[in-house]
C-alpha atoms as a PDB file:
ATOM      1  CA  MET A   1       0.000   0.000   0.000  1.00  0.00           C
ATOM      2  CA  GLN A   2       2.842   2.381   0.901  1.00  0.00           C
ATOM      3  CA  THR A   3       4.574   1.612  -2.404  1.00  0.00           C
ATOM      4  CA  LEU A   4       1.357   2.337  -4.329  1.00  0.00           C
ATOM      5  CA  LYS A   5       1.023   5.684  -2.562  1.00  0.00           C
ATOM      6  CA  LYS A   6       4.585   6.558  -3.526  1.00  0.00           C
ATOM      7  CA  ILE A   7       3.924   5.630  -7.159  1.00  0.00           C
ATOM      8  CA  ILE A   8       0.759   7.749  -7.251  1.00  0.00           C
ATOM      9  CA  SER A   9       2.551  10.643  -5.562  1.00  0.00           C
ATOM     10  CA  SER A  10       5.472  10.430  -7.991  1.00  0.00           C
ATOM     11  CA  THR A  11       3.130  10.296 -10.987  1.00  0.00           C
ATOM     12  CA  LEU A  12       1.171  13.330  -9.804  1.00  0.00           C
ATOM     13  CA  HIS A  13       4.430  15.132  -9.130  1.00  0.00           C
ATOM     14  CA  LEU A  14       5.588  14.420 -12.684  1.00  0.00           C
ATOM     15  CA  PHE A  15       2.538  16.039 -14.284  1.00  0.00           C
ATOM     16  CA  TYR A  16       1.847  18.634 -11.565  1.00  0.00           C
ATOM     17  CA  PRO A  17       5.250  19.619 -10.173  1.00  0.00           C
ATOM     18  CA  HIS A  18       5.253  21.231  -6.745  1.00  0.00           C
ATOM     19  CA  LEU A  19       7.258  24.444  -7.124  1.00  0.00           C
ATOM     20  CA  CYS A  20       9.170  26.303  -4.445  1.00  0.00           C
ATOM     21  CA  ASN A  21       7.434  29.541  -3.438  1.00  0.00           C
ATOM     22  CA  GLY A  22      10.812  31.218  -3.228  1.00  0.00           C
ATOM     23  CA  CYS A  23      12.656  30.303  -6.427  1.00  0.00           C
ATOM     24  CA  ASN A  24      10.112  28.266  -8.454  1.00  0.00           C
ATOM     25  CA  THR A  25      12.352  25.222  -8.632  1.00  0.00           C
ATOM     26  CA  ASP A  26      10.766  21.801  -8.330  1.00  0.00           C
ATOM     27  CA  VAL A  27      10.805  20.646  -4.705  1.00  0.00           C
ATOM     28  CA  LEU A  28      10.796  17.044  -3.556  1.00  0.00           C
ATOM     29  CA  SER A  29       7.962  17.073  -1.049  1.00  0.00           C
ATOM     30  CA  ASN A  30       4.363  17.922  -1.863  1.00  0.00           C
ATOM     31  CA  ASN A  31       4.043  19.247   1.684  1.00  0.00           C
ATOM     32  CA  SER A  32       6.923  21.713   1.425  1.00  0.00           C
ATOM     33  CA  LEU A  33       6.452  25.342   0.384  1.00  0.00           C
ATOM     34  CA  LEU A  34      10.160  26.131   0.081  1.00  0.00           C
ATOM     35  CA  CYS A  35      13.116  24.162  -1.230  1.00  0.00           C
ATOM     36  CA  LEU A  36      15.995  23.386   1.124  1.00  0.00           C
ATOM     37  CA  GLU A  37      18.175  26.075  -0.426  1.00  0.00           C
ATOM     38  CA  CYS A  38      15.557  28.777   0.177  1.00  0.00           C
ATOM     39  CA  ILE A  39      14.922  27.519   3.717  1.00  0.00           C
ATOM     40  CA  ASN A  40      18.643  27.739   4.438  1.00  0.00           C
ATOM     41  CA  ASN A  41      18.798  31.234   2.930  1.00  0.00           C
ATOM     42  CA  LEU A  42      16.017  32.695   5.072  1.00  0.00           C
ATOM     43  CA  PRO A  43      17.598  35.602   6.997  1.00  0.00           C
ATOM     44  CA  HIS A  44      16.564  34.822  10.588  1.00  0.00           C
ATOM     45  CA  THR A  45      17.405  37.566  13.086  1.00  0.00           C
ATOM     46  CA  GLN A  46      17.425  35.452  16.289  1.00  0.00           C
ATOM     47  CA  TYR A  47      16.045  38.571  18.048  1.00  0.00           C
ATOM     48  CA  ALA A  48      13.496  36.581  20.055  1.00  0.00           C
ATOM     49  CA  LYS A  49      16.343  35.266  22.196  1.00  0.00           C
ATOM     50  CA  PHE A  50      17.846  38.611  23.145  1.00  0.00           C
ATOM     51  CA  GLU A  51      16.814  41.477  25.399  1.00  0.00           C
ATOM     52  CA  ASN A  52      17.395  45.014  24.084  1.00  0.00           C
ATOM     53  CA  ASN A  53      17.425  43.798  20.498  1.00  0.00           C
ATOM     54  CA  PRO A  54      16.931  46.318  17.632  1.00  0.00           C
ATOM     55  CA  ILE A  55      13.129  45.891  17.632  1.00  0.00           C
ATOM     56  CA  GLU A  56      12.864  46.647  21.333  1.00  0.00           C
ATOM     57  CA  LYS A  57      15.117  49.685  20.881  1.00  0.00           C
ATOM     58  CA  ILE A  58      12.677  51.100  18.313  1.00  0.00           C
ATOM     59  CA  PHE A  59      10.085  51.428  21.089  1.00  0.00           C
ATOM     60  CA  TRP A  60      12.337  52.716  23.863  1.00  0.00           C
ATOM     61  CA  GLY A  61      10.761  55.819  25.394  1.00  0.00           C
ATOM     62  CA  ARG A  62       7.639  55.363  23.260  1.00  0.00           C
ATOM     63  CA  ILE A  63       5.667  52.446  24.659  1.00  0.00           C
ATOM     64  CA  PRO A  64       6.318  49.995  27.541  1.00  0.00           C
ATOM     65  CA  LEU A  65       6.783  46.459  26.221  1.00  0.00           C
ATOM     66  CA  GLN A  66       7.531  43.096  27.791  1.00  0.00           C
ATOM     67  CA  ALA A  67       9.431  41.961  24.693  1.00  0.00           C
ATOM     68  CA  ALA A  68       9.605  42.514  20.940  1.00  0.00           C
ATOM     69  CA  PHE A  69      11.200  40.798  17.975  1.00  0.00           C
ATOM     70  CA  ALA A  70      11.161  40.366  14.211  1.00  0.00           C
ATOM     71  CA  GLU A  71      11.782  36.932  12.749  1.00  0.00           C
ATOM     72  CA  PHE A  72      13.554  37.972   9.527  1.00  0.00           C
ATOM     73  CA  TYR A  73      15.531  40.792   7.966  1.00  0.00           C
ATOM     74  CA  PHE A  74      13.717  42.457   5.063  1.00  0.00           C
ATOM     75  CA  ASP A  75      15.736  43.915   2.183  1.00  0.00           C
ATOM     76  CA  LYS A  76      14.597  45.052  -1.250  1.00  0.00           C
ATOM     77  CA  GLU A  77      14.676  42.333  -3.911  1.00  0.00           C
ATOM     78  CA  SER A  78      15.238  39.711  -1.197  1.00  0.00           C
ATOM     79  CA  LEU A  79      13.641  36.315  -0.697  1.00  0.00           C
ATOM     80  CA  ILE A  80      11.635  37.623   2.266  1.00  0.00           C
ATOM     81  CA  GLN A  81      10.334  40.567   0.261  1.00  0.00           C
ATOM     82  CA  HIS A  82       9.231  38.134  -2.446  1.00  0.00           C
ATOM     83  CA  LEU A  83       7.442  35.874   0.052  1.00  0.00           C
ATOM     84  CA  ILE A  84       5.695  38.745   1.848  1.00  0.00           C
ATOM     85  CA  HIS A  85       4.621  40.154  -1.525  1.00  0.00           C
ATOM     86  CA  GLN A  86       3.039  36.770  -2.312  1.00  0.00           C
ATOM     87  CA  LEU A  87       1.235  36.828   1.030  1.00  0.00           C
ATOM     88  CA  LYS A  88      -0.091  40.376   0.703  1.00  0.00           C
ATOM     89  CA  TYR A  89      -0.794  40.703  -3.003  1.00  0.00           C
ATOM     90  CA  LYS A  90      -0.898  37.225  -4.585  1.00  0.00           C
ATOM     91  CA  ASN A  91      -3.435  35.538  -2.304  1.00  0.00           C
ATOM     92  CA  ASN A  92      -0.767  33.135  -1.044  1.00  0.00           C
ATOM     93  CA  THR A  93      -1.989  32.695   2.512  1.00  0.00           C
ATOM     94  CA  ALA A  94      -0.206  29.350   2.845  1.00  0.00           C
ATOM     95  CA  ILE A  95       3.202  31.035   2.849  1.00  0.00           C
ATOM     96  CA  GLY A  96       2.006  33.401   5.581  1.00  0.00           C
ATOM     97  CA  VAL A  97       0.979  30.492   7.781  1.00  0.00           C
ATOM     98  CA  TYR A  98       4.274  28.727   7.015  1.00  0.00           C
ATOM     99  CA  LEU A  99       6.390  31.727   8.017  1.00  0.00           C
ATOM    100  CA  GLY A 100       4.159  32.319  11.043  1.00  0.00           C
ATOM    101  CA  GLU A 101       4.918  28.786  12.179  1.00  0.00           C
ATOM    102  CA  MET A 102       8.613  29.676  12.083  1.00  0.00           C
ATOM    103  CA  MET A 103       7.833  32.632  14.343  1.00  0.00           C
ATOM    104  CA  GLY A 104       5.970  30.282  16.652  1.00  0.00           C
ATOM    105  CA  LYS A 105       9.035  28.072  16.958  1.00  0.00           C
ATOM    106  CA  SER A 106      11.121  31.115  17.884  1.00  0.00           C
ATOM    107  CA  ILE A 107       8.596  32.037  20.576  1.00  0.00           C
ATOM    108  CA  ILE A 108       8.734  28.533  22.047  1.00  0.00           C
ATOM    109  CA  ALA A 109      12.550  28.600  22.026  1.00  0.00           C
ATOM    110  CA  SER A 110      12.650  32.011  23.739  1.00  0.00           C
ATOM    111  CA  ASP A 111      12.777  32.388  27.507  1.00  0.00           C
ATOM    112  CA  ARG A 112      11.379  35.902  27.178  1.00  0.00           C
ATOM    113  CA  ILE A 113       7.973  35.324  25.556  1.00  0.00           C
ATOM    114  CA  LYS A 114       6.564  32.479  27.630  1.00  0.00           C
ATOM    115  CA  ASP A 115       3.393  33.840  29.207  1.00  0.00           C
ATOM    116  CA  VAL A 116       1.456  35.284  26.255  1.00  0.00           C
ATOM    117  CA  ASP A 117      -2.298  34.811  26.661  1.00  0.00           C
ATOM    118  CA  ALA A 118      -3.449  35.785  23.175  1.00  0.00           C
ATOM    119  CA  LEU A 119      -2.298  36.902  19.739  1.00  0.00           C
ATOM    120  CA  ILE A 120      -3.662  40.186  18.363  1.00  0.00           C
ATOM    121  CA  PRO A 121      -3.263  40.710  14.598  1.00  0.00           C
ATOM    122  CA  LEU A 122      -2.711  44.359  13.726  1.00  0.00           C
ATOM    123  CA  PRO A 123      -6.072  45.226  12.150  1.00  0.00           C
ATOM    124  CA  LEU A 124      -6.569  46.494   8.619  1.00  0.00           C
ATOM    125  CA  PHE A 125      -9.195  49.062   7.716  1.00  0.00           C
ATOM    126  CA  PRO A 126     -12.332  47.001   6.846  1.00  0.00           C
ATOM    127  CA  ASP A 127     -12.521  48.152   3.215  1.00  0.00           C
ATOM    128  CA  LYS A 128      -8.889  47.232   2.656  1.00  0.00           C
ATOM    129  CA  GLU A 129      -9.393  43.811   4.240  1.00  0.00           C
ATOM    130  CA  ARG A 130     -12.479  43.158   2.122  1.00  0.00           C
ATOM    131  CA  LYS A 131     -10.583  44.103  -1.023  1.00  0.00           C
ATOM    132  CA  ARG A 132      -7.658  41.810  -0.165  1.00  0.00           C
ATOM    133  CA  GLY A 133      -9.909  39.095   1.212  1.00  0.00           C
ATOM    134  CA  TYR A 134      -7.975  38.663   4.455  1.00  0.00           C
ATOM    135  CA  ASN A 135      -5.704  40.401   6.935  1.00  0.00           C
ATOM    136  CA  GLN A 136      -2.132  39.204   6.421  1.00  0.00           C
ATOM    137  CA  ALA A 137      -1.365  39.739  10.124  1.00  0.00           C
ATOM    138  CA  LYS A 138      -4.192  37.331  11.012  1.00  0.00           C
ATOM    139  CA  ILE A 139      -2.702  34.733   8.639  1.00  0.00           C
ATOM    140  CA  ILE A 140       0.678  35.080  10.357  1.00  0.00           C
ATOM    141  CA  CYS A 141      -1.057  34.731  13.742  1.00  0.00           C
ATOM    142  CA  ASP A 142      -2.688  31.512  12.550  1.00  0.00           C
ATOM    143  CA  GLY A 143       0.766  30.088  11.849  1.00  0.00           C
ATOM    144  CA  ILE A 144       2.079  31.146  15.254  1.00  0.00           C
ATOM    145  CA  SER A 145      -0.980  29.616  16.918  1.00  0.00           C
ATOM    146  CA  ASN A 146      -0.512  26.321  15.061  1.00  0.00           C
ATOM    147  CA  VAL A 147       2.809  25.859  16.838  1.00  0.00           C
ATOM    148  CA  THR A 148       2.250  27.544  20.207  1.00  0.00           C
ATOM    149  CA  ASN A 149      -1.484  26.900  20.751  1.00  0.00           C
ATOM    150  CA  ILE A 150      -1.842  30.551  21.795  1.00  0.00           C
ATOM    151  CA  PRO A 151      -5.346  31.670  20.751  1.00  0.00           C
ATOM    152  CA  VAL A 152      -5.855  34.364  18.123  1.00  0.00           C
ATOM    153  CA  LEU A 153      -8.266  37.146  19.110  1.00  0.00           C
ATOM    154  CA  ASP A 154      -9.334  38.714  15.830  1.00  0.00           C
ATOM    155  CA  ASN A 155     -11.651  41.713  15.358  1.00  0.00           C
ATOM    156  CA  ILE A 156     -11.393  42.768  19.000  1.00  0.00           C
ATOM    157  CA  VAL A 157      -8.899  45.516  18.291  1.00  0.00           C
ATOM    158  CA  ILE A 158     -10.293  47.305  15.249  1.00  0.00           C
ATOM    159  CA  ARG A 159      -9.244  49.984  12.801  1.00  0.00           C
ATOM    160  CA  GLN A 160     -11.787  52.764  12.954  1.00  0.00           C
ATOM    161  CA  ARG A 161     -10.608  55.072  10.196  1.00  0.00           C
ATOM    162  CA  PHE A 162      -8.753  54.772   6.892  1.00  0.00           C
ATOM    163  CA  THR A 163      -5.086  55.800   6.791  1.00  0.00           C
ATOM    164  CA  GLU A 164      -2.884  56.451   3.793  1.00  0.00           C
ATOM    165  CA  THR A 165      -0.085  54.031   2.960  1.00  0.00           C
ATOM    166  CA  GLN A 166       2.921  54.465   5.247  1.00  0.00           C
ATOM    167  CA  THR A 167       5.538  53.420   2.699  1.00  0.00           C
ATOM    168  CA  ARG A 168       6.880  56.863   1.740  1.00  0.00           C
ATOM    169  CA  LYS A 169       6.343  58.679   5.041  1.00  0.00           C
ATOM    170  CA  HIS A 170       8.999  59.522   7.624  1.00  0.00           C
ATOM    171  CA  ARG A 171       8.507  58.769  11.314  1.00  0.00           C
ATOM    172  CA  THR A 172       6.585  61.922  12.329  1.00  0.00           C
ATOM    173  CA  GLU A 173       4.277  61.686   9.322  1.00  0.00           C
ATOM    174  CA  ARG A 174       3.659  58.004  10.038  1.00  0.00           C
ATOM    175  CA  TRP A 175       2.652  58.769  13.634  1.00  0.00           C
ATOM    176  CA  GLN A 176       0.312  61.594  12.597  1.00  0.00           C
ATOM    177  CA  ASN A 177      -1.191  59.322   9.952  1.00  0.00           C
ATOM    178  CA  VAL A 178      -2.186  56.568  12.406  1.00  0.00           C
ATOM    179  CA  ALA A 179      -2.949  58.513  15.592  1.00  0.00           C
ATOM    180  CA  GLU A 180      -6.453  57.686  16.858  1.00  0.00           C
ATOM    181  CA  SER A 181      -6.875  55.013  14.170  1.00  0.00           C
ATOM    182  CA  PHE A 182      -7.579  52.121  16.541  1.00  0.00           C
ATOM    183  CA  ALA A 183     -10.235  51.126  19.058  1.00  0.00           C
ATOM    184  CA  VAL A 184     -11.068  48.109  21.227  1.00  0.00           C
ATOM    185  CA  ALA A 185     -14.418  46.455  20.542  1.00  0.00           C
ATOM    186  CA  ASP A 186     -14.480  44.236  23.642  1.00  0.00           C
ATOM    187  CA  ILE A 187     -12.351  45.466  26.537  1.00  0.00           C
ATOM    188  CA  LYS A 188     -13.390  42.655  28.917  1.00  0.00           C
ATOM    189  CA  LYS A 189     -11.829  39.984  26.684  1.00  0.00           C
ATOM    190  CA  LEU A 190      -8.428  41.665  26.924  1.00  0.00           C
ATOM    191  CA  GLU A 191      -8.344  42.734  30.577  1.00  0.00           C
ATOM    192  CA  SER A 192      -5.397  41.467  32.658  1.00  0.00           C
ATOM    193  CA  LYS A 193      -3.846  39.608  29.717  1.00  0.00           C
ATOM    194  CA  HIS A 194      -0.381  39.548  28.187  1.00  0.00           C
ATOM    195  CA  LEU A 195      -1.040  40.216  24.501  1.00  0.00           C
ATOM    196  CA  LEU A 196       1.277  39.703  21.547  1.00  0.00           C
ATOM    197  CA  LEU A 197       0.562  42.258  18.808  1.00  0.00           C
ATOM    198  CA  VAL A 198       1.552  40.858  15.398  1.00  0.00           C
ATOM    199  CA  ASP A 199       2.222  42.472  12.004  1.00  0.00           C
ATOM    200  CA  ASP A 200       4.088  41.637   8.813  1.00  0.00           C
ATOM    201  CA  VAL A 201       6.843  44.285   8.520  1.00  0.00           C
ATOM    202  CA  ILE A 202       8.128  46.924  10.926  1.00  0.00           C
ATOM    203  CA  THR A 203       9.881  50.084   9.735  1.00  0.00           C
ATOM    204  CA  THR A 204       9.488  52.958  12.223  1.00  0.00           C
ATOM    205  CA  GLY A 205       6.980  51.180  14.466  1.00  0.00           C
ATOM    206  CA  ALA A 206       4.484  54.074  14.327  1.00  0.00           C
ATOM    207  CA  THR A 207       1.447  51.941  13.500  1.00  0.00           C
ATOM    208  CA  LEU A 208       2.279  49.306  16.103  1.00  0.00           C
ATOM    209  CA  GLU A 209       2.894  52.042  18.672  1.00  0.00           C
ATOM    210  CA  ALA A 210      -0.484  53.657  17.993  1.00  0.00           C
ATOM    211  CA  CYS A 211      -2.292  50.335  18.288  1.00  0.00           C
ATOM    212  CA  GLY A 212      -0.261  49.299  21.323  1.00  0.00           C
ATOM    213  CA  ASN A 213      -1.107  52.495  23.181  1.00  0.00           C
ATOM    214  CA  ILE A 214      -4.813  51.727  22.804  1.00  0.00           C
ATOM    215  CA  ILE A 215      -4.295  48.180  24.082  1.00  0.00           C
ATOM    216  CA  LEU A 216      -2.312  49.357  27.111  1.00  0.00           C
ATOM    217  CA  GLN A 217      -5.203  51.569  28.214  1.00  0.00           C
ATOM    218  CA  ILE A 218      -7.061  48.361  29.100  1.00  0.00           C
ATOM    219  CA  PRO A 219      -6.710  47.557  32.830  1.00  0.00           C
ATOM    220  CA  GLY A 220      -4.031  45.007  33.669  1.00  0.00           C
ATOM    221  CA  THR A 221      -2.744  44.412  30.147  1.00  0.00           C
ATOM    222  CA  LYS A 222       0.866  43.700  29.240  1.00  0.00           C
ATOM    223  CA  LEU A 223       2.081  43.989  25.667  1.00  0.00           C
ATOM    224  CA  SER A 224       4.697  42.373  23.467  1.00  0.00           C
ATOM    225  CA  ILE A 225       5.201  42.873  19.734  1.00  0.00           C
ATOM    226  CA  ALA A 226       6.261  40.457  16.996  1.00  0.00           C
ATOM    227  CA  THR A 227       6.653  41.064  13.276  1.00  0.00           C
ATOM    228  CA  LEU A 228       7.546  38.788  10.438  1.00  0.00           C
ATOM    229  CA  ALA A 229      10.332  41.090   9.265  1.00  0.00           C
ATOM    230  CA  LEU A 230      12.357  44.217  10.014  1.00  0.00           C
ATOM    231  CA  ALA A 231      12.688  46.525   7.022  1.00  0.00           C
ATOM    232  CA  SER A 232      16.145  47.878   6.305  1.00  0.00           C
ATOM    233  CA  LYS A 233      16.467  51.662   6.458  1.00  0.00           C
END
């Protein structure tokens, strides 16, 4: 029976090759999203292991955090940029879950992010989420949750007004653009919890700071932040 399954799998693979999401080469396993070369080339930061890492320094003097990290470095024309582009603009939610699972493994391996009660995806404005079909931060949270079993609390922190894209704005403009953009729909569900706020890419941290400040107004909350990648400046 096992031999027959291998024959069927090999035949299907011959006519419907399973391509790497990173480089489009044919990969061996139908369950793998990246080839071994791309997996080995992923630029992990290891920040989850270290206090006072570059992500935490972004928020010094701005917002009190328990911990913060980014899983990967993000450079233009890089593998990570390509994968995040697939997640955000090519409807490739599977790669978001896959990379989120890598973040989950980093959380488990860290001594600093042990007591998180819930994952909070950074919310999109509703019209933008409807247009895309999903919130990429929620997809990343799903991957983290698959590994850690930390529940995802979606649509509790909400985006209450539309903001322009942050891509070409400097830090002050980014802060002004997102100030008062967020609200909490159900405060009771978040009271006295350690929450991990999750997004795809961090640059200046203005959006995460604005959202985090709203969360920290809830009695008894503690906040940590995790992003898939840190954008180079």
